[in-house]
Structures are given as structure tokens and as C-alpha cells.
């Protein structure tokens, strides 16, 4: 298999995987109001809304970091639409329980809209990566150093887990009412 064919196959498989997560998001947040989007099973748990925001922020940040493009969060004005009490570059990583509790959103379309815009940027990035790109080292702080391909898979793993967590929390919410 030529390197062009291998890159095309990798891009196709990764696109399919990101599509699967993307298709889950609207159903996870659909018809939830502020109280439901911010409900936490206990005082230290994450809410549906925060989980969807966080997984999208991580995806947006990491894919933009790979392409050198601006993040959708700031470039497309999502940061001001959300108006969260966090720094503009916050991803949710390392936030305290109190900070998670400050998350508030009153419209599920805001979450699904931001995820859709980030998903479009992700798919565009995947279409542009070559075989050489997938092998390029993007982070030397690890042993072994992280390649672009490994970072994309890491992002996919992270967002898949968080989508599952958000769906689970929604299920707990529904069982409670």
C-alpha cells in the first residue's frame, strides 16, 4: 500500500470514528433545560452539559494545535456565546468541583452547535493529513514522543469516553424523574 493510500485509509477510518461520536451529541443534550444540563449525580460529579462542553473543548484545542489553525471556540465566537466564568482558553482539564459547578448553559443547541462546528474543523483536518503528517512528532514531553497520529487517536479516545459518560449521566437524570 502506498503512503498516500495508507493516509487516505487512516483518514477515512478516523473520520468514521469521529462521526460516530458527533452523531451522539445532539441526542445526549436534546430537550434538556438549564437544570438538566447542569444536574450532577453528586456534588463532585460532572454534568451532561459540562461533559459535552469539555469533550468539545479538548477536541477543538488539540486538533487546532495539530493544524496550526485558530480554535473554533475563539475564532467563531463560541467563547462569547457561552459566556462561561472561565478563562477563554479553559478546556475543563484540571478544573475543581466548584469550577465544574459554575458551568451554566440554557440551550442544548449551543452545545450541539459548538460541537458541530468543531467536528467540521476536525474532518477538514483529517482530510488534509498526509502519511508524513501522521508520523510527525508533535509533543516531545513524553517517552516515546507523541506523533500526530497518536494525538488524534488520543483525542478520539478521550471524546468517546466523555460522550459515554454524558449519556450515562443523562440516563441517571431520566431515571430520577
C-alpha atoms as a PDB file:
ATOM      1  CA  UNK A   1       0.000   0.000   0.000  1.00  0.00           C
ATOM      2  CA  UNK A   2       1.384   3.387  -0.948  1.00  0.00           C
ATOM      3  CA  UNK A   3       1.789   6.066   1.708  1.00  0.00           C
ATOM      4  CA  UNK A   4      -0.963   8.105   0.011  1.00  0.00           C
ATOM      5  CA  UNK A   5      -3.298   5.105   0.199  1.00  0.00           C
ATOM      6  CA  UNK A   6      -2.372   4.479   3.824  1.00  0.00           C
ATOM      7  CA  UNK A   7      -3.042   8.133   4.730  1.00  0.00           C
ATOM      8  CA  UNK A   8      -6.372   8.041   2.890  1.00  0.00           C
ATOM      9  CA  UNK A   9      -7.364   4.866   4.736  1.00  0.00           C
ATOM     10  CA  UNK A  10      -6.313   6.300   8.101  1.00  0.00           C
ATOM     11  CA  UNK A  11      -8.250   9.485   7.381  1.00  0.00           C
ATOM     12  CA  UNK A  12     -11.325   7.513   6.350  1.00  0.00           C
ATOM     13  CA  UNK A  13     -11.283   5.322   9.458  1.00  0.00           C
ATOM     14  CA  UNK A  14     -10.674   8.252  11.793  1.00  0.00           C
ATOM     15  CA  UNK A  15     -13.419  10.254  10.085  1.00  0.00           C
ATOM     16  CA  UNK A  16     -15.838   7.381  10.641  1.00  0.00           C
ATOM     17  CA  UNK A  17     -14.906   7.192  14.317  1.00  0.00           C
ATOM     18  CA  UNK A  18     -15.261  10.954  14.878  1.00  0.00           C
ATOM     19  CA  UNK A  19     -18.603  10.857  13.007  1.00  0.00           C
ATOM     20  CA  UNK A  20     -19.885   8.221  15.435  1.00  0.00           C
ATOM     21  CA  UNK A  21     -19.182  10.451  18.428  1.00  0.00           C
ATOM     22  CA  UNK A  22     -20.575  13.503  16.648  1.00  0.00           C
ATOM     23  CA  UNK A  23     -23.849  11.702  15.916  1.00  0.00           C
ATOM     24  CA  UNK A  24     -24.348  11.015  19.638  1.00  0.00           C
ATOM     25  CA  UNK A  25     -24.117  14.596  20.861  1.00  0.00           C
ATOM     26  CA  UNK A  26     -27.495  16.022  19.739  1.00  0.00           C
ATOM     27  CA  UNK A  27     -29.354  13.085  21.298  1.00  0.00           C
ATOM     28  CA  UNK A  28     -27.471  13.428  24.571  1.00  0.00           C
ATOM     29  CA  UNK A  29     -28.403  17.101  25.048  1.00  0.00           C
ATOM     30  CA  UNK A  30     -31.743  17.227  23.183  1.00  0.00           C
ATOM     31  CA  UNK A  31     -34.644  18.754  25.130  1.00  0.00           C
ATOM     32  CA  UNK A  32     -32.619  19.426  28.269  1.00  0.00           C
ATOM     33  CA  UNK A  33     -33.029  22.739  30.021  1.00  0.00           C
ATOM     34  CA  UNK A  34     -30.529  24.503  32.251  1.00  0.00           C
ATOM     35  CA  UNK A  35     -31.411  22.450  35.321  1.00  0.00           C
ATOM     36  CA  UNK A  36     -30.984  19.168  33.449  1.00  0.00           C
ATOM     37  CA  UNK A  37     -27.832  20.235  31.575  1.00  0.00           C
ATOM     38  CA  UNK A  38     -26.180  21.220  34.861  1.00  0.00           C
ATOM     39  CA  UNK A  39     -27.551  18.434  37.097  1.00  0.00           C
ATOM     40  CA  UNK A  40     -24.829  16.445  38.826  1.00  0.00           C
ATOM     41  CA  UNK A  41     -25.438  12.993  40.315  1.00  0.00           C
ATOM     42  CA  UNK A  42     -23.494  14.147  43.366  1.00  0.00           C
ATOM     43  CA  UNK A  43     -21.696  17.323  44.344  1.00  0.00           C
ATOM     44  CA  UNK A  44     -18.394  16.260  42.775  1.00  0.00           C
ATOM     45  CA  UNK A  45     -19.713  14.642  39.591  1.00  0.00           C
ATOM     46  CA  UNK A  46     -19.762  16.168  36.132  1.00  0.00           C
ATOM     47  CA  UNK A  47     -22.977  17.263  34.451  1.00  0.00           C
ATOM     48  CA  UNK A  48     -24.160  16.378  30.948  1.00  0.00           C
ATOM     49  CA  UNK A  49     -23.581  19.934  29.743  1.00  0.00           C
ATOM     50  CA  UNK A  50     -20.101  20.226  31.228  1.00  0.00           C
ATOM     51  CA  UNK A  51     -19.043  16.854  29.792  1.00  0.00           C
ATOM     52  CA  UNK A  52     -20.192  17.771  26.281  1.00  0.00           C
ATOM     53  CA  UNK A  53     -18.549  21.204  26.544  1.00  0.00           C
ATOM     54  CA  UNK A  54     -15.319  19.664  27.866  1.00  0.00           C
ATOM     55  CA  UNK A  55     -15.056  16.943  25.225  1.00  0.00           C
ATOM     56  CA  UNK A  56     -15.636  19.526  22.523  1.00  0.00           C
ATOM     57  CA  UNK A  57     -13.091  21.947  24.003  1.00  0.00           C
ATOM     58  CA  UNK A  58     -10.447  19.200  24.122  1.00  0.00           C
ATOM     59  CA  UNK A  59     -11.187  18.179  20.539  1.00  0.00           C
ATOM     60  CA  UNK A  60     -11.131  21.792  19.355  1.00  0.00           C
ATOM     61  CA  UNK A  61      -7.914  22.653  21.206  1.00  0.00           C
ATOM     62  CA  UNK A  62      -5.976  19.545  20.220  1.00  0.00           C
ATOM     63  CA  UNK A  63      -6.993  19.450  16.544  1.00  0.00           C
ATOM     64  CA  UNK A  64      -6.267  23.174  16.151  1.00  0.00           C
ATOM     65  CA  UNK A  65      -2.911  22.529  17.776  1.00  0.00           C
ATOM     66  CA  UNK A  66      -2.149  19.923  15.123  1.00  0.00           C
ATOM     67  CA  UNK A  67      -3.189  22.075  12.168  1.00  0.00           C
ATOM     68  CA  UNK A  68      -1.959  25.440  13.419  1.00  0.00           C
ATOM     69  CA  UNK A  69      -5.439  26.881  12.869  1.00  0.00           C
ATOM     70  CA  UNK A  70      -7.277  29.017  15.397  1.00  0.00           C
ATOM     71  CA  UNK A  71      -9.649  27.183  17.688  1.00  0.00           C
ATOM     72  CA  UNK A  72     -13.310  27.274  16.689  1.00  0.00           C
ATOM     73  CA  UNK A  73     -14.037  28.337  20.294  1.00  0.00           C
ATOM     74  CA  UNK A  74     -12.456  31.748  19.818  1.00  0.00           C
ATOM     75  CA  UNK A  75     -12.338  32.172  16.024  1.00  0.00           C
ATOM     76  CA  UNK A  76     -16.074  31.618  15.601  1.00  0.00           C
ATOM     77  CA  UNK A  77     -17.165  33.449  18.754  1.00  0.00           C
ATOM     78  CA  UNK A  78     -18.374  30.456  20.771  1.00  0.00           C
ATOM     79  CA  UNK A  79     -16.491  31.709  23.810  1.00  0.00           C
ATOM     80  CA  UNK A  80     -18.704  34.808  23.987  1.00  0.00           C
ATOM     81  CA  UNK A  81     -21.893  32.886  23.191  1.00  0.00           C
ATOM     82  CA  UNK A  82     -21.263  30.533  26.098  1.00  0.00           C
ATOM     83  CA  UNK A  83     -20.152  33.375  28.428  1.00  0.00           C
ATOM     84  CA  UNK A  84     -18.739  30.909  30.954  1.00  0.00           C
ATOM     85  CA  UNK A  85     -16.937  32.118  34.086  1.00  0.00           C
ATOM     86  CA  UNK A  86     -13.685  30.517  32.882  1.00  0.00           C
ATOM     87  CA  UNK A  87     -10.597  31.814  31.130  1.00  0.00           C
ATOM     88  CA  UNK A  88     -11.039  31.853  27.354  1.00  0.00           C
ATOM     89  CA  UNK A  89      -8.517  29.048  26.952  1.00  0.00           C
ATOM     90  CA  UNK A  90     -10.077  26.754  29.594  1.00  0.00           C
ATOM     91  CA  UNK A  91     -10.684  23.179  28.479  1.00  0.00           C
ATOM     92  CA  UNK A  92     -12.089  21.807  31.698  1.00  0.00           C
ATOM     93  CA  UNK A  93      -8.979  19.741  32.321  1.00  0.00           C
ATOM     94  CA  UNK A  94      -7.964  20.016  35.968  1.00  0.00           C
ATOM     95  CA  UNK A  95     -10.995  22.071  36.978  1.00  0.00           C
ATOM     96  CA  UNK A  96     -12.114  21.763  40.579  1.00  0.00           C
ATOM     97  CA  UNK A  97     -15.550  20.524  41.529  1.00  0.00           C
ATOM     98  CA  UNK A  98     -16.519  24.121  42.329  1.00  0.00           C
ATOM     99  CA  UNK A  99     -15.441  25.261  38.847  1.00  0.00           C
ATOM    100  CA  UNK A 100     -17.426  22.450  37.227  1.00  0.00           C
ATOM    101  CA  UNK A 101     -20.390  23.584  39.318  1.00  0.00           C
ATOM    102  CA  UNK A 102     -20.112  27.081  37.822  1.00  0.00           C
ATOM    103  CA  UNK A 103     -20.839  25.732  34.346  1.00  0.00           C
ATOM    104  CA  UNK A 104     -24.203  27.005  33.090  1.00  0.00           C
ATOM    105  CA  UNK A 105     -25.831  26.823  29.698  1.00  0.00           C
ATOM    106  CA  UNK A 106     -29.518  27.305  28.988  1.00  0.00           C
ATOM    107  CA  UNK A 107     -29.790  25.971  25.452  1.00  0.00           C
ATOM    108  CA  UNK A 108     -28.742  22.490  24.325  1.00  0.00           C
ATOM    109  CA  UNK A 109     -28.412  23.832  20.766  1.00  0.00           C
ATOM    110  CA  UNK A 110     -25.433  25.875  21.953  1.00  0.00           C
ATOM    111  CA  UNK A 111     -23.598  22.681  22.926  1.00  0.00           C
ATOM    112  CA  UNK A 112     -24.551  20.754  19.810  1.00  0.00           C
ATOM    113  CA  UNK A 113     -23.785  23.777  17.612  1.00  0.00           C
ATOM    114  CA  UNK A 114     -20.311  24.214  19.047  1.00  0.00           C
ATOM    115  CA  UNK A 115     -19.664  20.500  18.701  1.00  0.00           C
ATOM    116  CA  UNK A 116     -20.872  20.554  15.080  1.00  0.00           C
ATOM    117  CA  UNK A 117     -18.529  23.429  14.211  1.00  0.00           C
ATOM    118  CA  UNK A 118     -15.611  21.680  15.920  1.00  0.00           C
ATOM    119  CA  UNK A 119     -16.479  18.430  14.157  1.00  0.00           C
ATOM    120  CA  UNK A 120     -16.376  20.192  10.774  1.00  0.00           C
ATOM    121  CA  UNK A 121     -12.913  21.550  11.577  1.00  0.00           C
ATOM    122  CA  UNK A 122     -11.796  18.081  12.664  1.00  0.00           C
ATOM    123  CA  UNK A 123     -12.990  16.424   9.459  1.00  0.00           C
ATOM    124  CA  UNK A 124     -11.288  19.120   7.370  1.00  0.00           C
ATOM    125  CA  UNK A 125      -8.054  18.489   9.276  1.00  0.00           C
ATOM    126  CA  UNK A 126      -8.284  14.722   8.792  1.00  0.00           C
ATOM    127  CA  UNK A 127      -8.777  15.204   5.044  1.00  0.00           C
ATOM    128  CA  UNK A 128      -5.602  17.265   4.885  1.00  0.00           C
ATOM    129  CA  UNK A 129      -3.211  14.993   6.775  1.00  0.00           C
ATOM    130  CA  UNK A 130      -0.648  13.049   4.755  1.00  0.00           C
ATOM    131  CA  UNK A 131       1.178   9.865   5.753  1.00  0.00           C
ATOM    132  CA  UNK A 132       4.170  12.006   6.719  1.00  0.00           C
ATOM    133  CA  UNK A 133       1.907  14.174   8.896  1.00  0.00           C
ATOM    134  CA  UNK A 134       0.690  11.153  10.879  1.00  0.00           C
ATOM    135  CA  UNK A 135       4.331  10.246  11.667  1.00  0.00           C
ATOM    136  CA  UNK A 136       5.342  13.804  12.624  1.00  0.00           C
ATOM    137  CA  UNK A 137       6.269  14.260  16.301  1.00  0.00           C
ATOM    138  CA  UNK A 138       4.019  16.893  17.869  1.00  0.00           C
ATOM    139  CA  UNK A 139       4.958  16.550  21.556  1.00  0.00           C
ATOM    140  CA  UNK A 140       8.400  15.615  22.817  1.00  0.00           C
ATOM    141  CA  UNK A 141       7.407  15.813  26.501  1.00  0.00           C
ATOM    142  CA  UNK A 142       6.563  12.094  26.504  1.00  0.00           C
ATOM    143  CA  UNK A 143       8.623   8.949  26.115  1.00  0.00           C
ATOM    144  CA  UNK A 144       8.155   7.951  23.408  1.00  0.00           C
ATOM    145  CA  UNK A 145       7.411  11.325  21.798  1.00  0.00           C
ATOM    146  CA  UNK A 146       3.828  11.754  20.613  1.00  0.00           C
ATOM    147  CA  UNK A 147       3.139  11.710  16.877  1.00  0.00           C
ATOM    148  CA  UNK A 148       0.255  13.482  15.183  1.00  0.00           C
ATOM    149  CA  UNK A 149      -1.384  10.098  14.574  1.00  0.00           C
ATOM    150  CA  UNK A 150      -1.128   9.136  18.235  1.00  0.00           C
ATOM    151  CA  UNK A 151      -2.532  12.534  19.298  1.00  0.00           C
ATOM    152  CA  UNK A 152      -5.556  12.154  17.009  1.00  0.00           C
ATOM    153  CA  UNK A 153      -6.242   8.689  18.445  1.00  0.00           C
ATOM    154  CA  UNK A 154      -5.824  10.087  21.971  1.00  0.00           C
ATOM    155  CA  UNK A 155      -8.380  12.820  21.263  1.00  0.00           C
ATOM    156  CA  UNK A 156     -10.765  10.255  19.833  1.00  0.00           C
ATOM    157  CA  UNK A 157     -10.357   8.039  22.889  1.00  0.00           C
ATOM    158  CA  UNK A 158     -10.991  10.974  25.232  1.00  0.00           C
ATOM    159  CA  UNK A 159     -14.110  12.264  23.492  1.00  0.00           C
ATOM    160  CA  UNK A 160     -15.559   8.773  23.154  1.00  0.00           C
ATOM    161  CA  UNK A 161     -15.232   8.210  26.887  1.00  0.00           C
ATOM    162  CA  UNK A 162     -16.756  11.589  27.735  1.00  0.00           C
ATOM    163  CA  UNK A 163     -19.667  11.097  25.324  1.00  0.00           C
ATOM    164  CA  UNK A 164     -20.393   7.803  27.068  1.00  0.00           C
ATOM    165  CA  UNK A 165     -20.205   9.491  30.453  1.00  0.00           C
ATOM    166  CA  UNK A 166     -22.583  12.248  29.324  1.00  0.00           C
ATOM    167  CA  UNK A 167     -25.053   9.665  28.006  1.00  0.00           C
ATOM    168  CA  UNK A 168     -24.824   7.777  31.306  1.00  0.00           C
ATOM    169  CA  UNK A 169     -25.451  10.923  33.364  1.00  0.00           C
ATOM    170  CA  UNK A 170     -28.429  11.721  31.130  1.00  0.00           C
ATOM    171  CA  UNK A 171     -29.728   8.219  31.809  1.00  0.00           C
ATOM    172  CA  UNK A 172     -29.383   8.771  35.561  1.00  0.00           C
ATOM    173  CA  UNK A 173     -31.215  12.063  35.192  1.00  0.00           C
ATOM    174  CA  UNK A 174     -34.068  10.438  33.279  1.00  0.00           C
ATOM    175  CA  UNK A 175     -34.411   7.600  35.820  1.00  0.00           C
ATOM    176  CA  UNK A 176     -34.622  10.129  38.617  1.00  0.00           C
ATOM    177  CA  UNK A 177     -37.652  11.929  37.150  1.00  0.00           C
END
